[in-house]
Amino acid sequence: LQHELQEAEYQRDLLGSRVAELNCDIQQKDCRRLAEQDEVHRTTCLGKTVSGKGSRRVSSRDETILRLMADLQAAQENLTAAQEE
């Protein structure tokens, strides 16, 4: 039981770290995307046509984050259950 508790805590910590890394990555990419949108806006104002890029990557990242958050929640629930036993 103690081993299961330690494993659940370890998995929770790993998932928490991964979520934090992804959030940091998303913030950096969002900053780049905003800079690109600003550039697109300036380019569009000059009369050039510009196509939007990256929306598929954003939804893929969002899906990954949602999956990792669900994994983290499951690990936390397992940890709570193990602590209650």
C-alpha atoms as a PDB file:
ATOM      1  CA  LEU A   1       0.000   0.000   0.000  1.00  0.00           C
ATOM      2  CA  GLN A   2       2.849   2.367   0.864  1.00  0.00           C
ATOM      3  CA  HIS A   3       4.470   1.596  -2.483  1.00  0.00           C
ATOM      4  CA  GLU A   4       1.196   2.351  -4.308  1.00  0.00           C
ATOM      5  CA  LEU A   5       0.909   5.637  -2.439  1.00  0.00           C
ATOM      6  CA  GLN A   6       4.467   6.618  -3.360  1.00  0.00           C
ATOM      7  CA  GLU A   7       3.878   5.641  -6.988  1.00  0.00           C
ATOM      8  CA  ALA A   8       0.646   7.689  -7.112  1.00  0.00           C
ATOM      9  CA  GLU A   9       2.458  10.705  -5.632  1.00  0.00           C
ATOM     10  CA  TYR A  10       5.271  10.276  -8.144  1.00  0.00           C
ATOM     11  CA  GLN A  11       2.824  10.069 -11.067  1.00  0.00           C
ATOM     12  CA  ARG A  12       0.946  13.119  -9.773  1.00  0.00           C
ATOM     13  CA  ASP A  13       4.189  15.091  -9.555  1.00  0.00           C
ATOM     14  CA  LEU A  14       5.256  14.010 -13.045  1.00  0.00           C
ATOM     15  CA  LEU A  15       1.913  14.982 -14.541  1.00  0.00           C
ATOM     16  CA  GLY A  16       1.906  18.289 -12.677  1.00  0.00           C
ATOM     17  CA  SER A  17       5.369  19.067 -14.023  1.00  0.00           C
ATOM     18  CA  ARG A  18       4.326  18.155 -17.554  1.00  0.00           C
ATOM     19  CA  VAL A  19       1.214  20.356 -17.342  1.00  0.00           C
ATOM     20  CA  ALA A  20       3.369  23.251 -16.097  1.00  0.00           C
ATOM     21  CA  GLU A  21       5.822  22.721 -18.980  1.00  0.00           C
ATOM     22  CA  LEU A  22       2.991  22.679 -21.500  1.00  0.00           C
ATOM     23  CA  ASN A  23       1.450  25.809 -20.015  1.00  0.00           C
ATOM     24  CA  CYS A  24       4.799  27.574 -20.312  1.00  0.00           C
ATOM     25  CA  ASP A  25       5.150  26.350 -23.894  1.00  0.00           C
ATOM     26  CA  ILE A  26       1.637  27.534 -24.704  1.00  0.00           C
ATOM     27  CA  GLN A  27       2.312  30.970 -23.231  1.00  0.00           C
ATOM     28  CA  GLN A  28       5.442  31.308 -25.366  1.00  0.00           C
ATOM     29  CA  LYS A  29       3.595  30.169 -28.482  1.00  0.00           C
ATOM     30  CA  ASP A  30       0.671  32.473 -27.698  1.00  0.00           C
ATOM     31  CA  CYS A  31       3.104  35.389 -27.478  1.00  0.00           C
ATOM     32  CA  ARG A  32       4.560  34.404 -30.856  1.00  0.00           C
ATOM     33  CA  ARG A  33       1.069  33.983 -32.296  1.00  0.00           C
ATOM     34  CA  LEU A  34       0.066  37.435 -31.058  1.00  0.00           C
ATOM     35  CA  ALA A  35       3.212  38.901 -32.585  1.00  0.00           C
ATOM     36  CA  GLU A  36       2.402  37.119 -35.857  1.00  0.00           C
ATOM     37  CA  GLN A  37      -1.187  38.394 -35.719  1.00  0.00           C
ATOM     38  CA  ASP A  38       0.136  41.896 -35.178  1.00  0.00           C
ATOM     39  CA  GLU A  39       2.358  41.431 -38.230  1.00  0.00           C
ATOM     40  CA  VAL A  40      -0.599  39.988 -40.185  1.00  0.00           C
ATOM     41  CA  HIS A  41      -2.674  43.001 -39.201  1.00  0.00           C
ATOM     42  CA  ARG A  42       0.049  45.368 -40.397  1.00  0.00           C
ATOM     43  CA  THR A  43       0.454  43.386 -43.613  1.00  0.00           C
ATOM     44  CA  THR A  44      -3.314  43.282 -44.188  1.00  0.00           C
ATOM     45  CA  CYS A  45      -3.518  47.034 -43.680  1.00  0.00           C
ATOM     46  CA  LEU A  46      -0.989  47.408 -46.489  1.00  0.00           C
ATOM     47  CA  GLY A  47      -3.343  45.526 -48.824  1.00  0.00           C
ATOM     48  CA  LYS A  48      -1.673  42.120 -48.916  1.00  0.00           C
ATOM     49  CA  THR A  49      -3.583  38.900 -48.302  1.00  0.00           C
ATOM     50  CA  VAL A  50      -2.453  36.657 -45.492  1.00  0.00           C
ATOM     51  CA  SER A  51      -3.643  33.174 -44.576  1.00  0.00           C
ATOM     52  CA  GLY A  52      -4.129  32.123 -40.940  1.00  0.00           C
ATOM     53  CA  LYS A  53      -1.776  29.403 -39.714  1.00  0.00           C
ATOM     54  CA  GLY A  54      -1.380  27.412 -36.533  1.00  0.00           C
ATOM     55  CA  SER A  55      -4.994  26.891 -35.499  1.00  0.00           C
ATOM     56  CA  ARG A  56      -4.619  23.122 -35.868  1.00  0.00           C
ATOM     57  CA  ARG A  57      -1.585  23.119 -33.592  1.00  0.00           C
ATOM     58  CA  VAL A  58      -3.413  25.102 -30.927  1.00  0.00           C
ATOM     59  CA  SER A  59      -6.309  22.650 -30.789  1.00  0.00           C
ATOM     60  CA  SER A  60      -3.864  19.740 -30.703  1.00  0.00           C
ATOM     61  CA  ARG A  61      -2.052  21.338 -27.748  1.00  0.00           C
ATOM     62  CA  ASP A  62      -5.383  22.009 -26.072  1.00  0.00           C
ATOM     63  CA  GLU A  63      -6.318  18.345 -26.469  1.00  0.00           C
ATOM     64  CA  THR A  64      -2.972  17.284 -25.004  1.00  0.00           C
ATOM     65  CA  ILE A  65      -3.424  19.590 -22.033  1.00  0.00           C
ATOM     66  CA  LEU A  66      -6.959  18.372 -21.409  1.00  0.00           C
ATOM     67  CA  ARG A  67      -5.745  14.765 -21.542  1.00  0.00           C
ATOM     68  CA  LEU A  68      -2.869  15.492 -19.155  1.00  0.00           C
ATOM     69  CA  MET A  69      -5.175  17.363 -16.791  1.00  0.00           C
ATOM     70  CA  ALA A  70      -7.538  14.375 -16.791  1.00  0.00           C
ATOM     71  CA  ASP A  71      -4.555  12.090 -16.081  1.00  0.00           C
ATOM     72  CA  LEU A  72      -3.469  14.403 -13.273  1.00  0.00           C
ATOM     73  CA  GLN A  73      -6.963  14.397 -11.781  1.00  0.00           C
ATOM     74  CA  ALA A  74      -7.083  10.589 -11.960  1.00  0.00           C
ATOM     75  CA  ALA A  75      -3.674  10.376 -10.257  1.00  0.00           C
ATOM     76  CA  GLN A  76      -4.862  12.746  -7.533  1.00  0.00           C
ATOM     77  CA  GLU A  77      -8.011  10.671  -7.032  1.00  0.00           C
ATOM     78  CA  ASN A  78      -5.907   7.492  -6.813  1.00  0.00           C
ATOM     79  CA  LEU A  79      -3.626   9.190  -4.307  1.00  0.00           C
ATOM     80  CA  THR A  80      -6.585  10.296  -2.202  1.00  0.00           C
ATOM     81  CA  ALA A  81      -8.081   6.804  -2.322  1.00  0.00           C
ATOM     82  CA  ALA A  82      -4.746   5.241  -1.333  1.00  0.00           C
ATOM     83  CA  GLN A  83      -4.377   7.676   1.561  1.00  0.00           C
ATOM     84  CA  GLU A  84      -7.879   6.876   2.807  1.00  0.00           C
ATOM     85  CA  GLU A  85      -7.195   3.109   2.861  1.00  0.00           C
END
